[in-house]
């Protein structure tokens, strides 16, 4: 696994009431959720990036109010047409 080093102002930790280690984990989750929401990662890959199981990642999606489904309106309509 590759390790990254980020410089963050101390105030960032205080703002979220997190220790640096907790802050780093929360950043991983937030980034993975956003990349999933943008369709750049599958659930499995996003969970891996976040350091979570897939079930834990789905829970994280709920906390961030992001749908666990990556279907566009057009894809749903198309799939419904295919069922007829």
C-alpha atoms as a PDB file:
ATOM      1  CA  UNK A   1       0.000   0.000   0.000  1.00  0.00           C
ATOM      2  CA  UNK A   2       1.267   3.478  -0.848  1.00  0.00           C
ATOM      3  CA  UNK A   3       1.529   5.996   1.950  1.00  0.00           C
ATOM      4  CA  UNK A   4       0.805   9.694   1.399  1.00  0.00           C
ATOM      5  CA  UNK A   5       1.893  12.611   3.535  1.00  0.00           C
ATOM      6  CA  UNK A   6      -0.346  15.674   3.691  1.00  0.00           C
ATOM      7  CA  UNK A   7       0.259  18.966   5.400  1.00  0.00           C
ATOM      8  CA  UNK A   8      -2.880  20.115   7.199  1.00  0.00           C
ATOM      9  CA  UNK A   9      -3.441  23.121   9.447  1.00  0.00           C
ATOM     10  CA  UNK A  10      -3.976  22.152  13.093  1.00  0.00           C
ATOM     11  CA  UNK A  11      -7.317  23.969  12.968  1.00  0.00           C
ATOM     12  CA  UNK A  12      -8.669  21.323  10.572  1.00  0.00           C
ATOM     13  CA  UNK A  13      -8.433  18.670  13.287  1.00  0.00           C
ATOM     14  CA  UNK A  14     -10.028  20.922  15.874  1.00  0.00           C
ATOM     15  CA  UNK A  15     -12.886  21.862  13.534  1.00  0.00           C
ATOM     16  CA  UNK A  16     -13.934  18.222  13.199  1.00  0.00           C
ATOM     17  CA  UNK A  17     -12.982  17.296  16.777  1.00  0.00           C
ATOM     18  CA  UNK A  18     -10.739  14.532  15.442  1.00  0.00           C
ATOM     19  CA  UNK A  19      -7.238  13.354  16.167  1.00  0.00           C
ATOM     20  CA  UNK A  20      -4.947  13.296  13.091  1.00  0.00           C
ATOM     21  CA  UNK A  21      -5.367   9.528  12.632  1.00  0.00           C
ATOM     22  CA  UNK A  22      -9.187   9.782  12.813  1.00  0.00           C
ATOM     23  CA  UNK A  23      -9.090  12.794  10.492  1.00  0.00           C
ATOM     24  CA  UNK A  24      -7.067  10.835   7.917  1.00  0.00           C
ATOM     25  CA  UNK A  25      -9.557   7.943   8.043  1.00  0.00           C
ATOM     26  CA  UNK A  26     -12.473  10.356   7.639  1.00  0.00           C
ATOM     27  CA  UNK A  27     -10.733  11.929   4.622  1.00  0.00           C
ATOM     28  CA  UNK A  28     -10.314   8.489   3.021  1.00  0.00           C
ATOM     29  CA  UNK A  29     -13.997   7.755   3.504  1.00  0.00           C
ATOM     30  CA  UNK A  30     -15.132  11.177   2.270  1.00  0.00           C
ATOM     31  CA  UNK A  31     -12.953  10.912  -0.848  1.00  0.00           C
ATOM     32  CA  UNK A  32     -14.144   7.381  -1.605  1.00  0.00           C
ATOM     33  CA  UNK A  33     -17.792   8.393  -1.155  1.00  0.00           C
ATOM     34  CA  UNK A  34     -17.371  11.367  -3.496  1.00  0.00           C
ATOM     35  CA  UNK A  35     -15.548   9.345  -6.155  1.00  0.00           C
ATOM     36  CA  UNK A  36     -18.274   6.693  -5.927  1.00  0.00           C
ATOM     37  CA  UNK A  37     -20.951   9.383  -6.241  1.00  0.00           C
ATOM     38  CA  UNK A  38     -19.210  10.718  -9.365  1.00  0.00           C
ATOM     39  CA  UNK A  39     -19.153   7.221 -10.859  1.00  0.00           C
ATOM     40  CA  UNK A  40     -15.378   6.975 -10.836  1.00  0.00           C
ATOM     41  CA  UNK A  41     -15.262   3.983  -8.444  1.00  0.00           C
ATOM     42  CA  UNK A  42     -17.378   0.896  -7.987  1.00  0.00           C
ATOM     43  CA  UNK A  43     -18.666   0.169  -4.492  1.00  0.00           C
ATOM     44  CA  UNK A  44     -15.988  -2.468  -4.028  1.00  0.00           C
ATOM     45  CA  UNK A  45     -13.134  -0.190  -5.080  1.00  0.00           C
ATOM     46  CA  UNK A  46     -14.494   2.731  -3.032  1.00  0.00           C
ATOM     47  CA  UNK A  47     -14.791   0.500   0.031  1.00  0.00           C
ATOM     48  CA  UNK A  48     -11.186  -0.589  -0.467  1.00  0.00           C
ATOM     49  CA  UNK A  49      -9.976   3.023  -0.740  1.00  0.00           C
ATOM     50  CA  UNK A  50     -11.983   3.948   2.348  1.00  0.00           C
ATOM     51  CA  UNK A  51     -10.506   1.024   4.284  1.00  0.00           C
ATOM     52  CA  UNK A  52     -13.990  -0.392   4.929  1.00  0.00           C
ATOM     53  CA  UNK A  53     -15.913  -3.533   4.142  1.00  0.00           C
ATOM     54  CA  UNK A  54     -18.545  -3.124   1.457  1.00  0.00           C
ATOM     55  CA  UNK A  55     -21.317  -3.187   4.091  1.00  0.00           C
ATOM     56  CA  UNK A  56     -19.511  -0.507   6.119  1.00  0.00           C
ATOM     57  CA  UNK A  57     -19.094   1.565   2.961  1.00  0.00           C
ATOM     58  CA  UNK A  58     -22.827   1.358   2.236  1.00  0.00           C
ATOM     59  CA  UNK A  59     -23.412   2.620   5.790  1.00  0.00           C
ATOM     60  CA  UNK A  60     -20.994   5.476   5.081  1.00  0.00           C
ATOM     61  CA  UNK A  61     -22.945   6.323   1.918  1.00  0.00           C
ATOM     62  CA  UNK A  62     -26.038   6.647   4.074  1.00  0.00           C
ATOM     63  CA  UNK A  63     -24.253   8.965   6.524  1.00  0.00           C
ATOM     64  CA  UNK A  64     -23.162  11.157   3.604  1.00  0.00           C
ATOM     65  CA  UNK A  65     -26.647  10.953   2.047  1.00  0.00           C
ATOM     66  CA  UNK A  66     -25.382   9.353  -1.158  1.00  0.00           C
ATOM     67  CA  UNK A  67     -27.465   6.701  -2.881  1.00  0.00           C
ATOM     68  CA  UNK A  68     -25.881   3.249  -3.032  1.00  0.00           C
ATOM     69  CA  UNK A  69     -27.310   2.890  -6.546  1.00  0.00           C
ATOM     70  CA  UNK A  70     -25.374   4.252  -9.522  1.00  0.00           C
ATOM     71  CA  UNK A  71     -28.164   4.266 -12.064  1.00  0.00           C
ATOM     72  CA  UNK A  72     -29.048   7.334 -14.095  1.00  0.00           C
ATOM     73  CA  UNK A  73     -32.685   8.059 -14.873  1.00  0.00           C
ATOM     74  CA  UNK A  74     -32.082   6.971 -18.462  1.00  0.00           C
ATOM     75  CA  UNK A  75     -30.606   3.630 -17.372  1.00  0.00           C
ATOM     76  CA  UNK A  76     -33.592   2.918 -15.140  1.00  0.00           C
ATOM     77  CA  UNK A  77     -36.053   3.723 -17.946  1.00  0.00           C
ATOM     78  CA  UNK A  78     -34.068   1.544 -20.355  1.00  0.00           C
ATOM     79  CA  UNK A  79     -34.005  -1.348 -17.915  1.00  0.00           C
ATOM     80  CA  UNK A  80     -37.753  -1.054 -17.352  1.00  0.00           C
ATOM     81  CA  UNK A  81     -38.324  -1.110 -21.126  1.00  0.00           C
ATOM     82  CA  UNK A  82     -36.186  -4.233 -21.447  1.00  0.00           C
ATOM     83  CA  UNK A  83     -38.406  -6.038 -18.911  1.00  0.00           C
ATOM     84  CA  UNK A  84     -41.517  -5.586 -21.076  1.00  0.00           C
END
